[in-house]
Protein backbone atom coordinates (compact mmCIF):
# COMPACT_ATOMS: atom_id res chain seq x y z
CA UNK A 1 -8.93 42.23 -52.40
CA UNK A 2 -5.13 42.02 -52.46
CA UNK A 3 -4.88 45.08 -50.23
CA UNK A 4 -7.28 43.49 -47.77
CA UNK A 5 -5.24 40.26 -47.66
CA UNK A 6 -2.03 42.21 -47.10
CA UNK A 7 -3.64 44.12 -44.25
CA UNK A 8 -4.84 40.89 -42.62
CA UNK A 9 -1.39 39.35 -43.00
CA UNK A 10 0.25 42.35 -41.35
CA UNK A 11 -2.29 42.21 -38.52
CA UNK A 12 -1.56 38.52 -37.90
CA UNK A 13 2.21 39.11 -37.92
CA UNK A 14 2.25 41.93 -35.38
CA UNK A 15 1.83 39.80 -32.21
CA UNK A 16 4.50 37.35 -33.43
CA UNK A 17 6.97 40.13 -34.21
CA UNK A 18 6.26 41.70 -30.82
CA UNK A 19 6.97 38.37 -29.06
CA UNK A 20 10.20 37.84 -31.01
CA UNK A 21 11.44 41.32 -30.09
CA UNK A 22 10.61 40.63 -26.43
CA UNK A 23 12.74 37.47 -26.36
CA UNK A 24 16.18 37.74 -24.73
CA UNK A 25 18.85 38.59 -27.28
CA UNK A 26 20.77 35.39 -26.57
CA UNK A 27 17.70 33.22 -27.16
CA UNK A 28 16.82 35.15 -30.32
CA UNK A 29 20.33 34.79 -31.72
CA UNK A 30 20.39 31.07 -30.86
CA UNK A 31 17.11 30.46 -32.71
CA UNK A 32 18.26 32.47 -35.72
CA UNK A 33 21.59 30.61 -35.82
CA UNK A 34 19.82 27.22 -35.79
CA UNK A 35 17.50 28.21 -38.63
CA UNK A 36 20.34 29.79 -40.59
CA UNK A 37 22.43 26.62 -40.29
CA UNK A 38 19.64 24.57 -41.86
CA UNK A 39 19.14 27.13 -44.64
CA UNK A 40 22.79 27.41 -45.64
CA UNK A 41 22.45 24.41 -47.94
CA UNK A 42 19.47 25.92 -49.74
CA UNK A 43 21.49 28.51 -51.71
CA UNK A 44 20.05 31.86 -50.64
CA UNK A 45 21.02 34.50 -53.14
CA UNK A 46 22.53 37.12 -50.84
CA UNK A 47 23.23 37.70 -47.17
CA UNK A 48 20.27 40.08 -46.98
CA UNK A 49 17.97 37.47 -48.48
CA UNK A 50 19.27 34.86 -46.03
CA UNK A 51 18.49 37.16 -43.10
CA UNK A 52 15.05 37.87 -44.56
CA UNK A 53 14.24 34.17 -44.91
CA UNK A 54 15.39 33.45 -41.35
CA UNK A 55 13.25 36.29 -40.03
CA UNK A 56 10.21 35.17 -42.04
CA UNK A 57 10.56 31.63 -40.71
CA UNK A 58 10.80 32.81 -37.10
CA UNK A 59 7.81 35.11 -37.58
CA UNK A 60 5.84 32.23 -39.08
CA UNK A 61 6.65 30.02 -36.09
CA UNK A 62 5.77 32.87 -33.72
CA UNK A 63 2.43 33.36 -35.46
CA UNK A 64 1.68 29.67 -35.09
CA UNK A 65 2.54 29.62 -31.39
CA UNK A 66 0.73 32.87 -30.54
CA UNK A 67 -2.50 32.31 -32.45
CA UNK A 68 -2.58 28.61 -31.58
CA UNK A 69 -2.28 29.36 -27.89
CA UNK A 70 -4.77 32.24 -28.23
CA UNK A 71 -7.39 30.01 -29.81
CA UNK A 72 -6.69 27.31 -27.23
CA UNK A 73 -7.02 29.80 -24.37
CA UNK A 74 -10.32 31.16 -25.72
CA UNK A 75 -11.68 27.65 -26.12
CA UNK A 76 -10.68 26.59 -22.60
CA UNK A 77 -12.01 29.81 -21.11
CA UNK A 78 -15.33 29.35 -22.90
CA UNK A 79 -15.63 25.79 -21.61
CA UNK A 80 -14.74 26.90 -18.08
CA UNK A 81 -17.29 29.70 -18.15
CA UNK A 82 -19.93 27.40 -19.58
CA UNK A 83 -19.36 24.70 -16.97
CA UNK A 84 -18.16 26.28 -13.77
CA UNK A 85 -18.98 29.97 -13.54
CA UNK A 86 -22.26 30.74 -11.77
CA UNK A 87 -24.36 33.67 -12.99
CA UNK A 88 -23.68 36.85 -10.95
CA UNK A 89 -27.21 37.25 -9.66
CA UNK A 90 -29.33 36.46 -6.58
CA UNK A 91 -30.91 33.50 -8.34
CA UNK A 92 -29.74 30.31 -6.62
CA UNK A 93 -30.42 26.84 -7.91
CA UNK A 94 -31.57 24.43 -5.24
CA UNK A 95 -30.74 20.75 -5.34
CA UNK A 96 -33.08 18.37 -7.06
CA UNK A 97 -35.09 15.75 -5.21
CA UNK A 98 -32.81 13.33 -3.37
CA UNK A 99 -29.70 15.53 -3.44
CA UNK A 100 -30.27 17.04 0.01
CA UNK A 101 -29.86 20.56 1.28
CA UNK A 102 -27.09 22.98 0.31
CA UNK A 103 -25.73 26.21 1.73
CA UNK A 104 -25.17 29.40 -0.24
CA UNK A 105 -23.41 32.54 0.95
CA UNK A 106 -25.13 35.92 0.75
CA UNK A 107 -23.80 39.32 1.72
CA UNK A 108 -26.02 41.52 3.91
CA UNK A 109 -25.06 45.17 3.73
CA UNK A 110 -26.45 48.20 5.59
CA UNK A 111 -24.49 51.28 4.74
CA UNK A 112 -20.93 50.60 5.78
CA UNK A 113 -21.88 47.53 7.81
CA UNK A 114 -21.53 44.23 6.00
CA UNK A 115 -22.24 40.70 7.17
CA UNK A 116 -22.01 37.31 5.50
CA UNK A 117 -24.81 34.81 6.05
CA UNK A 118 -24.96 31.12 5.10
CA UNK A 119 -28.45 30.47 3.77
CA UNK A 120 -29.65 26.87 3.76
CA UNK A 121 -31.64 25.89 0.69
CA UNK A 122 -33.81 22.83 1.00
CA UNK A 123 -34.05 20.46 -1.89
CA UNK A 124 -36.81 20.84 -4.45
CA UNK A 125 -40.15 19.39 -3.35
CA UNK A 126 -42.15 17.12 -5.57
CA UNK A 127 -45.59 17.89 -6.85
CA UNK A 128 -48.27 15.22 -6.51
CA UNK A 129 -47.90 14.22 -10.15
CA UNK A 130 -44.10 14.07 -9.89
CA UNK A 131 -44.28 12.08 -6.68
CA UNK A 132 -46.71 9.60 -8.25
CA UNK A 133 -44.45 9.16 -11.29
CA UNK A 134 -41.28 8.75 -9.22
CA UNK A 135 -43.02 6.35 -6.88
CA UNK A 136 -44.02 4.07 -9.74
CA UNK A 137 -40.51 4.18 -11.18
CA UNK A 138 -38.96 3.54 -7.77
CA UNK A 139 -40.98 0.41 -7.10
CA UNK A 140 -40.35 -0.86 -10.64
CA UNK A 141 -36.60 -0.59 -10.06
CA UNK A 142 -36.94 -2.05 -6.58
CA UNK A 143 -38.87 -5.02 -7.96
CA UNK A 144 -35.99 -5.86 -10.30
CA UNK A 145 -33.50 -5.34 -7.46
CA UNK A 146 -35.48 -7.65 -5.17
CA UNK A 147 -35.62 -10.36 -7.83
CA UNK A 148 -31.85 -10.75 -7.60
CA UNK A 149 -30.82 -13.81 -9.62
CA UNK A 150 -34.43 -14.76 -10.30
CA UNK A 151 -36.13 -13.94 -13.57
CA UNK A 152 -38.75 -11.82 -11.79
CA UNK A 153 -40.88 -11.80 -8.63
CA UNK A 154 -43.42 -13.92 -10.53
CA UNK A 155 -40.97 -16.80 -10.77
CA UNK A 156 -38.88 -17.05 -7.60
CA UNK A 157 -36.88 -20.15 -6.80
CA UNK A 158 -33.73 -18.53 -5.41
CA UNK A 159 -32.90 -16.13 -2.61
CA UNK A 160 -34.34 -12.59 -2.86
CA UNK A 161 -32.28 -9.42 -2.48
CA UNK A 162 -33.49 -7.21 0.38
CA UNK A 163 -31.20 -4.16 0.01
CA UNK A 164 -31.46 -1.30 2.49
CA UNK A 165 -30.92 1.29 -0.24
CA UNK A 166 -31.42 1.48 -3.99
CA UNK A 167 -28.78 3.03 -6.21
CA UNK A 168 -29.78 6.52 -7.35
CA UNK A 169 -32.48 6.91 -4.69
CA UNK A 170 -32.17 8.46 -1.18
CA UNK A 171 -34.69 6.16 0.56
CA UNK A 172 -34.10 3.80 3.46
CA UNK A 173 -35.97 0.58 2.66
CA UNK A 174 -37.45 -2.01 5.04
CA UNK A 175 -39.14 -5.32 4.20
CA UNK A 176 -41.76 -7.35 6.10
CA UNK A 177 -42.69 -10.75 4.58
CA UNK A 178 -46.25 -11.95 5.28
CA UNK A 179 -45.20 -15.60 5.68
CA UNK A 180 -41.78 -16.35 7.15
CA UNK A 181 -42.09 -19.96 6.12
CA UNK A 182 -41.90 -18.93 2.48
CA UNK A 183 -39.60 -15.86 2.62
CA UNK A 184 -37.54 -14.90 5.65
CA UNK A 185 -36.63 -11.34 6.79
CA UNK A 186 -33.21 -11.53 5.13
CA UNK A 187 -34.67 -12.58 1.74
CA UNK A 188 -33.73 -16.23 1.95
CA UNK A 189 -36.36 -18.86 1.15
CA UNK A 190 -38.02 -20.71 4.03
CA UNK A 191 -38.77 -24.39 4.53
CA UNK A 192 -42.16 -24.15 2.84
CA UNK A 193 -40.64 -22.94 -0.40
CA UNK A 194 -38.03 -25.70 -0.24
CA UNK A 195 -40.87 -28.26 0.01
CA UNK A 196 -42.36 -27.18 -3.34
CA UNK A 197 -41.95 -29.72 -6.13
CA UNK A 198 -43.00 -30.14 -9.73
CA UNK A 199 -45.30 -27.40 -10.93
CA UNK A 200 -46.37 -26.35 -7.45
CA UNK A 201 -46.38 -22.59 -6.69
CA UNK A 202 -47.02 -20.50 -3.61
CA UNK A 203 -47.94 -16.82 -3.47
CA UNK A 204 -46.99 -14.50 -0.65
CA UNK A 205 -46.82 -10.77 -0.02
CA UNK A 206 -43.96 -8.59 1.15
CA UNK A 207 -44.72 -5.17 2.66
CA UNK A 208 -42.10 -2.67 1.50
CA UNK A 209 -41.63 0.67 3.23
CA UNK A 210 -39.34 3.40 1.84
CA UNK A 211 -38.59 6.50 3.96
CA UNK A 212 -36.79 9.75 3.11
CA UNK A 213 -37.51 12.91 5.05
CA UNK A 214 -41.22 13.71 4.77
CA UNK A 215 -41.72 11.09 2.05
CA UNK A 216 -42.97 7.66 3.07
CA UNK A 217 -43.81 5.25 0.26
CA UNK A 218 -45.39 1.88 0.95
CA UNK A 219 -46.35 -0.98 -1.31
CA UNK A 220 -47.18 -4.67 -1.00
CA UNK A 221 -45.10 -6.79 -3.40
CA UNK A 222 -46.66 -10.05 -4.58
CA UNK A 223 -44.15 -12.89 -4.86
CA UNK A 224 -44.82 -16.26 -6.51
CA UNK A 225 -42.49 -19.03 -5.47
CA UNK A 226 -41.84 -22.08 -7.63
CA UNK A 227 -39.94 -25.30 -7.16
CA UNK A 228 -36.17 -24.97 -7.34
CA UNK A 229 -35.07 -26.35 -10.73
CA UNK A 230 -31.35 -25.64 -10.92
CA UNK A 231 -29.45 -22.56 -11.95
CA UNK A 232 -31.02 -19.52 -13.52
CA UNK A 233 -29.73 -18.87 -17.04
CA UNK A 234 -30.71 -15.19 -17.26
CA UNK A 235 -27.55 -13.06 -17.04
CA UNK A 236 -27.40 -9.68 -15.27
CA UNK A 237 -26.72 -8.02 -18.62
CA UNK A 238 -29.94 -9.45 -20.07
CA UNK A 239 -31.90 -8.04 -17.14
CA UNK A 240 -30.21 -4.66 -17.61
CA UNK A 241 -31.18 -4.63 -21.29
CA UNK A 242 -34.76 -5.58 -20.41
CA UNK A 243 -34.82 -2.75 -17.87
CA UNK A 244 -33.65 -0.21 -20.46
CA UNK A 245 -36.25 -1.38 -22.94
CA UNK A 246 -39.05 -1.12 -20.37
CA UNK A 247 -38.00 2.40 -19.36
CA UNK A 248 -37.79 3.47 -23.00
CA UNK A 249 -41.33 2.29 -23.70
CA UNK A 250 -42.68 4.22 -20.71
CA UNK A 251 -41.15 7.52 -21.84
CA UNK A 252 -42.05 7.46 -25.53
CA UNK A 253 -44.59 10.24 -24.98
CA UNK A 254 -41.82 12.52 -23.66
CA UNK A 255 -39.27 14.39 -25.74
CA UNK A 256 -36.31 13.20 -23.67
CA UNK A 257 -35.37 9.83 -22.24
CA UNK A 258 -33.42 9.52 -19.01
CA UNK A 259 -31.82 6.10 -18.74
CA UNK A 260 -31.40 4.61 -15.24
CA UNK A 261 -27.89 4.71 -13.80
CA UNK A 262 -28.12 1.23 -12.29
CA UNK A 263 -29.89 -1.99 -13.18
CA UNK A 264 -29.19 -4.54 -10.49
CA UNK A 265 -25.45 -5.03 -10.33
CA UNK A 266 -24.90 -3.48 -13.77
CA UNK A 267 -23.87 0.20 -13.84
CA UNK A 268 -25.22 2.15 -16.81
CA UNK A 269 -23.40 5.19 -18.16
CA UNK A 270 -23.01 7.12 -21.40
CA UNK A 271 -19.95 7.88 -23.41
CA UNK A 272 -18.23 10.91 -21.81
CA UNK A 273 -17.89 14.13 -23.78
CA UNK A 274 -14.72 16.12 -24.29
CA UNK A 275 -13.31 17.35 -20.99
CA UNK A 276 -11.23 20.44 -20.37
CA UNK A 277 -8.10 18.35 -19.91
CA UNK A 278 -8.67 16.44 -23.13
CA UNK A 279 -9.38 19.64 -25.08
CA UNK A 280 -6.24 21.28 -23.69
CA UNK A 281 -4.04 18.30 -24.46
CA UNK A 282 -5.53 17.97 -27.95
CA UNK A 283 -4.99 21.64 -28.76
CA UNK A 284 -1.42 21.59 -27.42
CA UNK A 285 -0.66 18.44 -29.39
CA UNK A 286 -1.94 20.05 -32.60
CA UNK A 287 0.24 23.15 -32.09
CA UNK A 288 3.31 21.00 -31.33
CA UNK A 289 2.72 18.82 -34.39
CA UNK A 290 2.42 21.90 -36.61
CA UNK A 291 5.69 23.24 -35.20
CA UNK A 292 7.41 19.90 -35.77
CA UNK A 293 6.03 19.82 -39.30
CA UNK A 294 7.54 23.24 -40.09
CA UNK A 295 10.89 22.22 -38.59
CA UNK A 296 10.80 18.98 -40.57
CA UNK A 297 10.14 20.91 -43.76
CA UNK A 298 13.09 23.14 -42.93
CA UNK A 299 15.36 20.13 -42.39
CA UNK A 300 14.16 18.47 -45.59
CA UNK A 301 14.66 21.67 -47.60
CA UNK A 302 18.40 21.10 -47.97
CA UNK A 303 17.96 17.51 -49.16
CA UNK A 304 15.31 18.52 -51.67
CA UNK A 305 17.54 21.35 -52.86
CA UNK A 306 20.53 19.08 -53.46
CA UNK A 307 18.41 16.57 -55.36
CA UNK A 308 16.99 19.36 -57.49
CA UNK A 309 20.41 20.80 -58.33
CA UNK A 310 21.75 17.36 -59.28
CA UNK A 311 18.68 16.84 -61.46
CA UNK A 312 19.25 20.18 -63.24
CA UNK A 313 23.00 19.68 -63.69
CA UNK A 314 22.83 17.84 -67.06
CA UNK A 315 20.53 20.54 -68.47
CA UNK A 316 22.88 23.34 -67.41
CA UNK A 317 25.89 21.57 -68.93
CA UNK A 318 23.91 20.92 -72.13
CA UNK A 319 22.88 24.58 -72.46
CA UNK A 320 26.41 25.85 -71.82
CA UNK A 321 27.82 23.39 -74.36
CA UNK A 322 25.15 24.33 -76.91
CA UNK A 323 25.53 28.09 -76.65
CA UNK A 324 29.33 28.14 -76.35
CA UNK A 325 29.62 25.63 -79.21
CA UNK A 326 27.48 27.95 -81.37
CA UNK A 327 30.08 30.69 -80.95
CA UNK A 328 28.78 32.62 -77.94
CA UNK A 329 31.18 33.73 -75.26
CA UNK A 330 30.84 32.53 -71.69
CA UNK A 331 29.11 35.74 -70.45
CA UNK A 332 26.75 35.67 -73.45
CA UNK A 333 25.90 32.00 -72.84
CA UNK A 334 25.19 32.71 -69.16
CA UNK A 335 23.06 35.71 -70.09
CA UNK A 336 21.11 33.64 -72.63
CA UNK A 337 20.40 30.92 -70.05
CA UNK A 338 19.23 33.60 -67.63
CA UNK A 339 16.86 35.09 -70.20
CA UNK A 340 15.39 31.67 -71.00
CA UNK A 341 14.88 30.95 -67.29
CA UNK A 342 13.22 34.28 -66.46
CA UNK A 343 10.93 34.10 -69.50
CA UNK A 344 9.22 30.99 -68.15
CA UNK A 345 6.17 32.10 -66.16
CA UNK A 346 4.28 30.07 -63.58
CA UNK A 347 7.22 27.88 -62.55
CA UNK A 348 8.80 27.54 -59.14
CA UNK A 349 12.29 28.82 -58.49
CA UNK A 350 15.19 26.45 -59.07
CA UNK A 351 18.25 26.99 -56.96
CA UNK A 352 20.83 26.17 -59.65
CA UNK A 353 19.28 28.59 -62.15
CA UNK A 354 18.92 31.23 -59.42
CA UNK A 355 22.71 31.03 -58.95
CA UNK A 356 23.15 31.47 -62.70
CA UNK A 357 21.01 34.63 -62.48
CA UNK A 358 23.27 35.89 -59.71
CA UNK A 359 26.41 35.13 -61.75
CA UNK A 360 24.91 36.90 -64.76
CA UNK A 361 24.21 39.98 -62.63
CA UNK A 362 27.82 40.03 -61.41
CA UNK A 363 29.10 39.69 -64.98
CA UNK A 364 26.85 42.57 -66.10
CA UNK A 365 28.35 44.71 -63.33
CA UNK A 366 31.83 44.18 -64.81
CA UNK A 367 33.25 41.39 -62.70
CA UNK A 368 35.81 39.14 -64.39
CA UNK A 369 34.70 35.90 -66.05
CA UNK A 370 37.08 33.67 -64.12
CA UNK A 371 36.28 35.21 -60.75
CA UNK A 372 32.51 35.01 -61.36
CA UNK A 373 32.76 31.40 -62.54
CA UNK A 374 34.92 30.42 -59.54
CA UNK A 375 32.53 32.06 -57.05
CA UNK A 376 29.58 30.37 -58.77
CA UNK A 377 31.13 26.92 -58.29
CA UNK A 378 31.91 27.59 -54.64
CA UNK A 379 28.25 28.34 -53.95
CA UNK A 380 27.40 24.67 -54.45
CA UNK A 381 28.14 21.77 -52.15
CA UNK A 382 27.96 19.16 -54.92
CA UNK A 383 31.39 18.27 -56.39
CA UNK A 384 29.98 18.11 -59.93
CA UNK A 385 29.32 21.86 -59.98
CA UNK A 386 32.79 22.62 -58.65
CA UNK A 387 34.24 20.38 -61.34
CA UNK A 388 32.13 22.20 -63.96
CA UNK A 389 33.46 25.58 -62.81
CA UNK A 390 37.04 24.31 -63.10
CA UNK A 391 36.30 22.93 -66.57
CA UNK A 392 34.90 26.30 -67.63
CA UNK A 393 38.06 27.99 -66.38
CA UNK A 394 40.12 25.61 -68.56
CA UNK A 395 37.86 26.37 -71.54
CA UNK A 396 38.48 30.10 -71.07
CA UNK A 397 42.24 29.45 -70.95
CA UNK A 398 42.77 26.87 -73.73
CA UNK A 399 40.51 28.28 -76.43
CA UNK A 400 37.57 27.20 -78.55
CA UNK A 401 38.61 23.84 -80.01
CA UNK A 402 39.89 22.18 -76.85
CA UNK A 403 37.09 23.84 -74.91
CA UNK A 404 34.50 22.14 -77.10
CA UNK A 405 36.08 18.75 -76.42
CA UNK A 406 36.15 19.36 -72.68
CA UNK A 407 32.52 20.48 -72.63
CA UNK A 408 31.48 17.51 -74.75
CA UNK A 409 33.13 15.08 -72.30
CA UNK A 410 31.50 16.95 -69.39
CA UNK A 411 28.10 16.68 -71.08
CA UNK A 412 28.43 12.93 -71.57
CA UNK A 413 29.56 12.45 -68.00
CA UNK A 414 26.66 14.56 -66.66
CA UNK A 415 24.08 12.49 -68.50
CA UNK A 416 25.62 9.28 -67.14
CA UNK A 417 25.31 10.74 -63.66
CA UNK A 418 21.71 11.65 -64.41
CA UNK A 419 20.99 8.04 -65.40
CA UNK A 420 22.55 6.80 -62.15
CA UNK A 421 20.48 9.29 -60.18
CA UNK A 422 17.29 8.20 -61.96
CA UNK A 423 18.13 4.56 -61.18
CA UNK A 424 18.66 5.41 -57.51
CA UNK A 425 15.38 7.33 -57.31
CA UNK A 426 13.59 4.40 -58.92
CA UNK A 427 14.97 2.00 -56.31
CA UNK A 428 13.85 4.37 -53.53
CA UNK A 429 10.37 4.59 -55.07
CA UNK A 430 10.08 0.80 -55.25
CA UNK A 431 11.02 0.58 -51.57
CA UNK A 432 8.37 3.15 -50.63
CA UNK A 433 5.76 1.18 -52.58
CA UNK A 434 6.56 -2.03 -50.70
CA UNK A 435 4.16 -1.40 -47.80
CA UNK A 436 1.15 -0.48 -50.02
CA UNK A 437 1.85 -3.58 -52.11
CA UNK A 438 1.78 -5.73 -48.94
CA UNK A 439 -1.58 -4.21 -48.00
CA UNK A 440 -2.97 -4.91 -51.46
CA UNK A 441 -1.68 -8.47 -51.26
CA UNK A 442 -3.51 -8.94 -47.95
CA UNK A 443 -6.75 -7.63 -49.47
CA UNK A 444 -6.40 -9.98 -52.46
CA UNK A 445 -5.79 -12.95 -50.16
CA UNK A 446 -8.91 -12.06 -48.15
CA UNK A 447 -11.01 -11.83 -51.32
CA UNK A 448 -9.70 -15.19 -52.52
CA UNK A 449 -10.00 -17.04 -49.20
CA UNK A 450 -13.32 -15.58 -48.00
CA UNK A 451 -15.60 -17.78 -50.20
CA UNK A 452 -13.68 -20.89 -49.18
CA UNK A 453 -13.90 -20.01 -45.48
CA UNK A 454 -17.65 -19.36 -45.73
CA UNK A 455 -18.14 -22.64 -47.55
CA UNK A 456 -16.18 -24.68 -44.97
CA UNK A 457 -18.18 -23.08 -42.14
CA UNK A 458 -21.34 -24.43 -43.72
CA UNK A 459 -20.33 -28.06 -43.10
């Protein structure tokens, strides 16, 4: 299993390494210098390890860019193929009813002779059953359109709407009222309808003719006029909802339901799906955010490292004081601390103890105590470690008794610094908890005030 994971990891790294090698040398060196500058405060053990960490970070970023863009390209290509690419065959799809004719190009070839021809495809014709169904639906929609601001054609007391066309339909519509005294040719109400009063009603018929190509649909609409009693309170949205409900009831025997695109002056549409542009922008945003996250982690690595080393400083001083006070020499004390650190399994690396391991290795190779201690202090940016290295140099020079006193004072001072650091971290934690506490306070206020608000609304 481990061998399989290593093989997969190497396979994923290859494109990124190839891209990094293909970059101009100046760009590659600039990127490496920027990453190296941010890693200098994280105490890499050696120059080789620093170069290895920089290379691993760049390869990781390259993997993210390459595979992120690859996945994004595959997704966009799939969507484009699914939506826009026509099948490479001689099967052409003609327009549906009402969409008109369309032209398609075909290539006629006879040996070496080749000619292009524009073939005109007529729209799909309706069967008798389809025509009957569409005709009923057309006149139902037209009836609502004709009603205009009236509740329906069975209760007309305001001007009718005689539109030449109906949204979503290709027909040209004409109207011929049977009695111009009740309804005029433009849909306005005549003098007879204005003379109605009380509960009086008058029925009339309007001959409607719809024409489109070979299709001619005719129907007589029955209109009942009533006395004009002020403004109609039915809103266009209510009529649109009623239209949707009526259409839904008619199609309950079918598996699918096609909602009308227009109900009077109200346009009906559905929530749009994910477009190619939205998918591309979303994928690019995700890749950019992941890159920014990695860069942010790199920038925060130095701060986290410095906090960790300051947190471990009292422990290091305590161990050095303990072992050297028990009679061990400085190299023996360092070696003992290194053994204790390496014997702990399952723990993350700590930069301060990693530097102690490096100093122990240099001492084992025969380097002088003072030189190793001085180089160890210079590896840190915190003044407390540099002060500790100078104190250790004084201990090596002055002897055991004065050295114990110096280390004891250093230990006390380190623990005071640790208390100050803990106090500072506590203040930072309380500041971070301020916003969640405000949210909780708002929730408590809502829980307390909600019963009172409900009770006052009852009066």
